Amino acid sequence: MTTDHCVTISATTSSEADEKLNSSVRQLLDLAKENPTRGILVTKRGAGQFTVELSDHVPYGQTWESVQLLDSAN
């Protein structure tokens, strides 16, 4: 899924994840330059699952990473 400010990525290999993550970050960097107030947040959601988004919590010009794994027991 892709919106103007968020890209959801699914990948089955690490090389596929790297390629998709790099492409998504480049895409959002271009968008961030139009309104330089937000940075990029990359979140690992599970095995091969990521989101890349513009975030008000990340300073412009920076890319932060986080891990937010879902508890499959719930």
PDB file of N, CA and C in Angstrom:
ATOM      1  N   MET A   1       0.848  -1.187   0.000  1.00  0.00           N
ATOM      2  CA  MET A   1       0.000   0.000   0.000  1.00  0.00           C
ATOM      3  C   MET A   1       0.887   1.242   0.000  1.00  0.00           C
ATOM      4  N   THR A   2       0.486   2.233  -0.752  1.00  0.00           N
ATOM      5  CA  THR A   2       1.241   3.475  -0.803  1.00  0.00           C
ATOM      6  C   THR A   2       0.272   4.649  -0.718  1.00  0.00           C
ATOM      7  N   THR A   3       0.565   5.587   0.163  1.00  0.00           N
ATOM      8  CA  THR A   3      -0.130   6.871   0.167  1.00  0.00           C
ATOM      9  C   THR A   3       0.926   7.918  -0.145  1.00  0.00           C
ATOM     10  N   ASP A   4       0.538   9.181  -0.161  1.00  0.00           N
ATOM     11  CA  ASP A   4       1.505  10.231  -0.455  1.00  0.00           C
ATOM     12  C   ASP A   4       2.652  10.258   0.542  1.00  0.00           C
ATOM     13  N   HIS A   5       2.370   9.876   1.787  1.00  0.00           N
ATOM     14  CA  HIS A   5       3.370  10.027   2.839  1.00  0.00           C
ATOM     15  C   HIS A   5       3.757   8.728   3.513  1.00  0.00           C
ATOM     16  N   CYS A   6       3.244   7.591   3.052  1.00  0.00           N
ATOM     17  CA  CYS A   6       3.550   6.304   3.683  1.00  0.00           C
ATOM     18  C   CYS A   6       3.576   5.195   2.638  1.00  0.00           C
ATOM     19  N   VAL A   7       4.596   4.348   2.731  1.00  0.00           N
ATOM     20  CA  VAL A   7       4.734   3.200   1.835  1.00  0.00           C
ATOM     21  C   VAL A   7       4.817   1.955   2.701  1.00  0.00           C
ATOM     22  N   THR A   8       3.999   0.948   2.388  1.00  0.00           N
ATOM     23  CA  THR A   8       4.051  -0.335   3.080  1.00  0.00           C
ATOM     24  C   THR A   8       4.786  -1.318   2.180  1.00  0.00           C
ATOM     25  N   ILE A   9       5.749  -2.025   2.765  1.00  0.00           N
ATOM     26  CA  ILE A   9       6.613  -2.925   1.995  1.00  0.00           C
ATOM     27  C   ILE A   9       6.493  -4.342   2.526  1.00  0.00           C
ATOM     28  N   SER A  10       6.397  -5.291   1.599  1.00  0.00           N
ATOM     29  CA  SER A  10       6.495  -6.716   1.910  1.00  0.00           C
ATOM     30  C   SER A  10       7.611  -7.285   1.051  1.00  0.00           C
ATOM     31  N   ALA A  11       8.483  -8.082   1.671  1.00  0.00           N
ATOM     32  CA  ALA A  11       9.607  -8.670   0.938  1.00  0.00           C
ATOM     33  C   ALA A  11       9.865 -10.075   1.460  1.00  0.00           C
ATOM     34  N   THR A  12      10.338 -10.939   0.575  1.00  0.00           N
ATOM     35  CA  THR A  12      10.619 -12.318   0.974  1.00  0.00           C
ATOM     36  C   THR A  12      12.106 -12.597   1.149  1.00  0.00           C
ATOM     37  N   THR A  13      12.956 -11.712   0.635  1.00  0.00           N
ATOM     38  CA  THR A  13      14.401 -11.875   0.815  1.00  0.00           C
ATOM     39  C   THR A  13      14.993 -10.562   1.316  1.00  0.00           C
ATOM     40  N   SER A  14      16.165 -10.641   1.911  1.00  0.00           N
ATOM     41  CA  SER A  14      16.802  -9.417   2.406  1.00  0.00           C
ATOM     42  C   SER A  14      17.189  -8.489   1.256  1.00  0.00           C
ATOM     43  N   SER A  15      17.594  -9.044   0.127  1.00  0.00           N
ATOM     44  CA  SER A  15      17.952  -8.186  -1.007  1.00  0.00           C
ATOM     45  C   SER A  15      16.716  -7.486  -1.572  1.00  0.00           C
ATOM     46  N   GLU A  16      15.592  -8.171  -1.593  1.00  0.00           N
ATOM     47  CA  GLU A  16      14.349  -7.541  -2.043  1.00  0.00           C
ATOM     48  C   GLU A  16      13.939  -6.428  -1.076  1.00  0.00           C
ATOM     49  N   ALA A  17      14.069  -6.682   0.228  1.00  0.00           N
ATOM     50  CA  ALA A  17      13.743  -5.668   1.237  1.00  0.00           C
ATOM     51  C   ALA A  17      14.643  -4.451   1.070  1.00  0.00           C
ATOM     52  N   ASP A  18      15.938  -4.664   0.912  1.00  0.00           N
ATOM     53  CA  ASP A  18      16.880  -3.552   0.727  1.00  0.00           C
ATOM     54  C   ASP A  18      16.506  -2.709  -0.487  1.00  0.00           C
ATOM     55  N   GLU A  19      16.207  -3.375  -1.588  1.00  0.00           N
ATOM     56  CA  GLU A  19      15.858  -2.673  -2.819  1.00  0.00           C
ATOM     57  C   GLU A  19      14.591  -1.837  -2.631  1.00  0.00           C
ATOM     58  N   LYS A  20      13.562  -2.440  -2.048  1.00  0.00           N
ATOM     59  CA  LYS A  20      12.294  -1.728  -1.855  1.00  0.00           C
ATOM     60  C   LYS A  20      12.431  -0.605  -0.826  1.00  0.00           C
ATOM     61  N   LEU A  21      13.178  -0.847   0.245  1.00  0.00           N
ATOM     62  CA  LEU A  21      13.377   0.192   1.258  1.00  0.00           C
ATOM     63  C   LEU A  21      14.129   1.382   0.675  1.00  0.00           C
ATOM     64  N   ASN A  22      15.211   1.118  -0.046  1.00  0.00           N
ATOM     65  CA  ASN A  22      15.990   2.204  -0.655  1.00  0.00           C
ATOM     66  C   ASN A  22      15.154   3.015  -1.638  1.00  0.00           C
ATOM     67  N   SER A  23      14.357   2.333  -2.446  1.00  0.00           N
ATOM     68  CA  SER A  23      13.498   3.010  -3.409  1.00  0.00           C
ATOM     69  C   SER A  23      12.455   3.878  -2.700  1.00  0.00           C
ATOM     70  N   SER A  24      11.868   3.348  -1.640  1.00  0.00           N
ATOM     71  CA  SER A  24      10.844   4.088  -0.893  1.00  0.00           C
ATOM     72  C   SER A  24      11.432   5.306  -0.199  1.00  0.00           C
ATOM     73  N   VAL A  25      12.613   5.160   0.381  1.00  0.00           N
ATOM     74  CA  VAL A  25      13.262   6.292   1.042  1.00  0.00           C
ATOM     75  C   VAL A  25      13.567   7.382   0.013  1.00  0.00           C
ATOM     76  N   ARG A  26      14.080   7.019  -1.151  1.00  0.00           N
ATOM     77  CA  ARG A  26      14.359   8.011  -2.203  1.00  0.00           C
ATOM     78  C   ARG A  26      13.078   8.741  -2.617  1.00  0.00           C
ATOM     79  N   GLN A  27      11.993   7.987  -2.765  1.00  0.00           N
ATOM     80  CA  GLN A  27      10.707   8.566  -3.153  1.00  0.00           C
ATOM     81  C   GLN A  27      10.245   9.586  -2.112  1.00  0.00           C
ATOM     82  N   LEU A  28      10.342   9.234  -0.833  1.00  0.00           N
ATOM     83  CA  LEU A  28       9.883  10.137   0.218  1.00  0.00           C
ATOM     84  C   LEU A  28      10.850  11.303   0.438  1.00  0.00           C
ATOM     85  N   LEU A  29      12.140  11.106   0.163  1.00  0.00           N
ATOM     86  CA  LEU A  29      13.084  12.228   0.229  1.00  0.00           C
ATOM     87  C   LEU A  29      12.676  13.328  -0.745  1.00  0.00           C
ATOM     88  N   ASP A  30      12.300  12.934  -1.944  1.00  0.00           N
ATOM     89  CA  ASP A  30      11.857  13.914  -2.937  1.00  0.00           C
ATOM     90  C   ASP A  30      10.616  14.649  -2.451  1.00  0.00           C
ATOM     91  N   LEU A  31       9.688  13.933  -1.850  1.00  0.00           N
ATOM     92  CA  LEU A  31       8.472  14.539  -1.325  1.00  0.00           C
ATOM     93  C   LEU A  31       8.777  15.456  -0.143  1.00  0.00           C
ATOM     94  N   ALA A  32       9.691  15.040   0.719  1.00  0.00           N
ATOM     95  CA  ALA A  32      10.049  15.842   1.895  1.00  0.00           C
ATOM     96  C   ALA A  32      10.672  17.177   1.492  1.00  0.00           C
ATOM     97  N   LYS A  33      11.392  17.202   0.388  1.00  0.00           N
ATOM     98  CA  LYS A  33      12.036  18.440  -0.073  1.00  0.00           C
ATOM     99  C   LYS A  33      11.017  19.515  -0.438  1.00  0.00           C
ATOM    100  N   GLU A  34       9.803  19.099  -0.809  1.00  0.00           N
ATOM    101  CA  GLU A  34       8.764  20.058  -1.174  1.00  0.00           C
ATOM    102  C   GLU A  34       8.282  20.847   0.041  1.00  0.00           C
ATOM    103  N   ASN A  35       8.327  20.244   1.218  1.00  0.00           N
ATOM    104  CA  ASN A  35       7.901  20.882   2.462  1.00  0.00           C
ATOM    105  C   ASN A  35       8.844  20.394   3.559  1.00  0.00           C
ATOM    106  N   PRO A  36      10.017  21.026   3.689  1.00  0.00           N
ATOM    107  CA  PRO A  36      11.083  20.489   4.546  1.00  0.00           C
ATOM    108  C   PRO A  36      10.841  20.663   6.046  1.00  0.00           C
ATOM    109  N   THR A  37       9.845  19.946   6.545  1.00  0.00           N
ATOM    110  CA  THR A  37       9.552  19.989   7.980  1.00  0.00           C
ATOM    111  C   THR A  37       9.554  18.609   8.623  1.00  0.00           C
ATOM    112  N   ARG A  38       9.556  17.560   7.804  1.00  0.00           N
ATOM    113  CA  ARG A  38       9.481  16.203   8.352  1.00  0.00           C
ATOM    114  C   ARG A  38      10.617  15.340   7.827  1.00  0.00           C
ATOM    115  N   GLY A  39      11.011  14.378   8.665  1.00  0.00           N
ATOM    116  CA  GLY A  39      12.002  13.402   8.261  1.00  0.00           C
ATOM    117  C   GLY A  39      11.329  12.086   7.923  1.00  0.00           C
ATOM    118  N   ILE A  40      12.142  11.053   7.753  1.00  0.00           N
ATOM    119  CA  ILE A  40      11.646   9.743   7.331  1.00  0.00           C
ATOM    120  C   ILE A  40      11.803   8.743   8.465  1.00  0.00           C
ATOM    121  N   LEU A  41      10.737   7.993   8.709  1.00  0.00           N
ATOM    122  CA  LEU A  41      10.733   6.942   9.715  1.00  0.00           C
ATOM    123  C   LEU A  41      10.519   5.608   9.016  1.00  0.00           C
ATOM    124  N   VAL A  42      11.469   4.685   9.203  1.00  0.00           N
ATOM    125  CA  VAL A  42      11.372   3.330   8.669  1.00  0.00           C
ATOM    126  C   VAL A  42      11.076   2.411   9.847  1.00  0.00           C
ATOM    127  N   THR A  43       9.957   1.680   9.777  1.00  0.00           N
ATOM    128  CA  THR A  43       9.548   0.810  10.878  1.00  0.00           C
ATOM    129  C   THR A  43       9.449  -0.628  10.403  1.00  0.00           C
ATOM    130  N   LYS A  44      10.147  -1.515  11.102  1.00  0.00           N
ATOM    131  CA  LYS A  44      10.015  -2.951  10.833  1.00  0.00           C
ATOM    132  C   LYS A  44       8.815  -3.446  11.619  1.00  0.00           C
ATOM    133  N   ARG A  45       7.849  -4.048  10.938  1.00  0.00           N
ATOM    134  CA  ARG A  45       6.606  -4.500  11.559  1.00  0.00           C
ATOM    135  C   ARG A  45       6.566  -6.007  11.771  1.00  0.00           C
ATOM    136  N   GLY A  46       7.434  -6.726  11.105  1.00  0.00           N
ATOM    137  CA  GLY A  46       7.479  -8.179  11.201  1.00  0.00           C
ATOM    138  C   GLY A  46       8.455  -8.700  10.165  1.00  0.00           C
ATOM    139  N   ALA A  47       8.509 -10.006  10.021  1.00  0.00           N
ATOM    140  CA  ALA A  47       9.423 -10.611   9.053  1.00  0.00           C
ATOM    141  C   ALA A  47       9.069 -10.146   7.644  1.00  0.00           C
ATOM    142  N   GLY A  48       9.955  -9.363   7.048  1.00  0.00           N
ATOM    143  CA  GLY A  48       9.742  -8.885   5.689  1.00  0.00           C
ATOM    144  C   GLY A  48       8.665  -7.827   5.551  1.00  0.00           C
ATOM    145  N   GLN A  49       8.226  -7.227   6.644  1.00  0.00           N
ATOM    146  CA  GLN A  49       7.154  -6.228   6.633  1.00  0.00           C
ATOM    147  C   GLN A  49       7.677  -4.903   7.187  1.00  0.00           C
ATOM    148  N   PHE A  50       7.527  -3.834   6.421  1.00  0.00           N
ATOM    149  CA  PHE A  50       8.050  -2.525   6.802  1.00  0.00           C
ATOM    150  C   PHE A  50       7.073  -1.429   6.389  1.00  0.00           C
ATOM    151  N   THR A  51       7.161  -0.288   7.076  1.00  0.00           N
ATOM    152  CA  THR A  51       6.552   0.941   6.580  1.00  0.00           C
ATOM    153  C   THR A  51       7.644   1.999   6.501  1.00  0.00           C
ATOM    154  N   VAL A  52       7.529   2.850   5.505  1.00  0.00           N
ATOM    155  CA  VAL A  52       8.429   3.990   5.334  1.00  0.00           C
ATOM    156  C   VAL A  52       7.510   5.198   5.218  1.00  0.00           C
ATOM    157  N   GLU A  53       7.691   6.184   6.115  1.00  0.00           N
ATOM    158  CA  GLU A  53       6.756   7.302   6.129  1.00  0.00           C
ATOM    159  C   GLU A  53       7.433   8.609   6.507  1.00  0.00           C
ATOM    160  N   LEU A  54       6.823   9.709   6.081  1.00  0.00           N
ATOM    161  CA  LEU A  54       7.236  11.019   6.554  1.00  0.00           C
ATOM    162  C   LEU A  54       6.655  11.185   7.948  1.00  0.00           C
ATOM    163  N   SER A  55       7.470  11.688   8.873  1.00  0.00           N
ATOM    164  CA  SER A  55       7.042  11.784  10.264  1.00  0.00           C
ATOM    165  C   SER A  55       7.374  13.148  10.854  1.00  0.00           C
ATOM    166  N   ASP A  56       6.404  13.713  11.573  1.00  0.00           N
ATOM    167  CA  ASP A  56       6.630  14.962  12.302  1.00  0.00           C
ATOM    168  C   ASP A  56       7.595  14.765  13.460  1.00  0.00           C
ATOM    169  N   HIS A  57       7.785  13.521  13.887  1.00  0.00           N
ATOM    170  CA  HIS A  57       8.657  13.215  15.028  1.00  0.00           C
ATOM    171  C   HIS A  57      10.126  13.083  14.633  1.00  0.00           C
ATOM    172  N   VAL A  58      10.397  13.089  13.340  1.00  0.00           N
ATOM    173  CA  VAL A  58      11.767  12.954  12.835  1.00  0.00           C
ATOM    174  C   VAL A  58      12.165  14.283  12.193  1.00  0.00           C
ATOM    175  N   PRO A  59      13.296  14.851  12.597  1.00  0.00           N
ATOM    176  CA  PRO A  59      13.722  16.124  12.008  1.00  0.00           C
ATOM    177  C   PRO A  59      13.990  15.994  10.502  1.00  0.00           C
ATOM    178  N   TYR A  60      13.674  17.064   9.778  1.00  0.00           N
ATOM    179  CA  TYR A  60      13.939  17.084   8.344  1.00  0.00           C
ATOM    180  C   TYR A  60      15.421  16.799   8.092  1.00  0.00           C
ATOM    181  N   GLY A  61      15.684  15.988   7.080  1.00  0.00           N
ATOM    182  CA  GLY A  61      17.056  15.651   6.723  1.00  0.00           C
ATOM    183  C   GLY A  61      17.576  14.405   7.411  1.00  0.00           C
ATOM    184  N   GLN A  62      16.754  13.813   8.288  1.00  0.00           N
ATOM    185  CA  GLN A  62      17.178  12.605   8.996  1.00  0.00           C
ATOM    186  C   GLN A  62      16.252  11.444   8.652  1.00  0.00           C
ATOM    187  N   THR A  63      16.797  10.236   8.768  1.00  0.00           N
ATOM    188  CA  THR A  63      16.021   9.009   8.624  1.00  0.00           C
ATOM    189  C   THR A  63      16.240   8.191   9.878  1.00  0.00           C
ATOM    190  N   TRP A  64      15.148   7.857  10.558  1.00  0.00           N
ATOM    191  CA  TRP A  64      15.219   7.053  11.775  1.00  0.00           C
ATOM    192  C   TRP A  64      14.627   5.685  11.499  1.00  0.00           C
ATOM    193  N   GLU A  65      15.099   4.703  12.254  1.00  0.00           N
ATOM    194  CA  GLU A  65      14.585   3.337  12.158  1.00  0.00           C
ATOM    195  C   GLU A  65      13.966   2.941  13.482  1.00  0.00           C
ATOM    196  N   SER A  66      12.898   2.143  13.417  1.00  0.00           N
ATOM    197  CA  SER A  66      12.295   1.599  14.632  1.00  0.00           C
ATOM    198  C   SER A  66      11.804   0.188  14.345  1.00  0.00           C
ATOM    199  N   VAL A  67      11.536  -0.533  15.419  1.00  0.00           N
ATOM    200  CA  VAL A  67      10.991  -1.884  15.319  1.00  0.00           C
ATOM    201  C   VAL A  67       9.711  -1.904  16.133  1.00  0.00           C
ATOM    202  N   GLN A  68       8.632  -2.346  15.512  1.00  0.00           N
ATOM    203  CA  GLN A  68       7.347  -2.444  16.185  1.00  0.00           C
ATOM    204  C   GLN A  68       6.723  -3.771  15.760  1.00  0.00           C
ATOM    205  N   LEU A  69       7.144  -4.832  16.421  1.00  0.00           N
ATOM    206  CA  LEU A  69       6.658  -6.160  16.072  1.00  0.00           C
ATOM    207  C   LEU A  69       5.309  -6.394  16.726  1.00  0.00           C
ATOM    208  N   LEU A  70       4.394  -6.964  15.969  1.00  0.00           N
ATOM    209  CA  LEU A  70       3.074  -7.271  16.487  1.00  0.00           C
ATOM    210  C   LEU A  70       3.119  -8.585  17.239  1.00  0.00           C
ATOM    211  N   ASP A  71       2.427  -8.644  18.354  1.00  0.00           N
ATOM    212  CA  ASP A  71       2.353  -9.864  19.154  1.00  0.00           C
ATOM    213  C   ASP A  71       1.333 -10.790  18.515  1.00  0.00           C
ATOM    214  N   SER A  72       1.782 -11.886  17.938  1.00  0.00           N
ATOM    215  CA  SER A  72       0.886 -12.806  17.231  1.00  0.00           C
ATOM    216  C   SER A  72       0.013 -13.615  18.180  1.00  0.00           C
ATOM    217  N   ALA A  73       0.273 -13.565  19.487  1.00  0.00           N
ATOM    218  CA  ALA A  73      -0.522 -14.315  20.456  1.00  0.00           C
ATOM    219  C   ALA A  73      -1.865 -13.647  20.712  1.00  0.00           C
ATOM    220  N   ASN A  74      -1.986 -12.358  20.376  1.00  0.00           N
ATOM    221  CA  ASN A  74      -3.245 -11.640  20.643  1.00  0.00           C
ATOM    222  C   ASN A  74      -4.121 -11.604  19.434  1.00  0.00           C
TER     223      ASN A  74
END
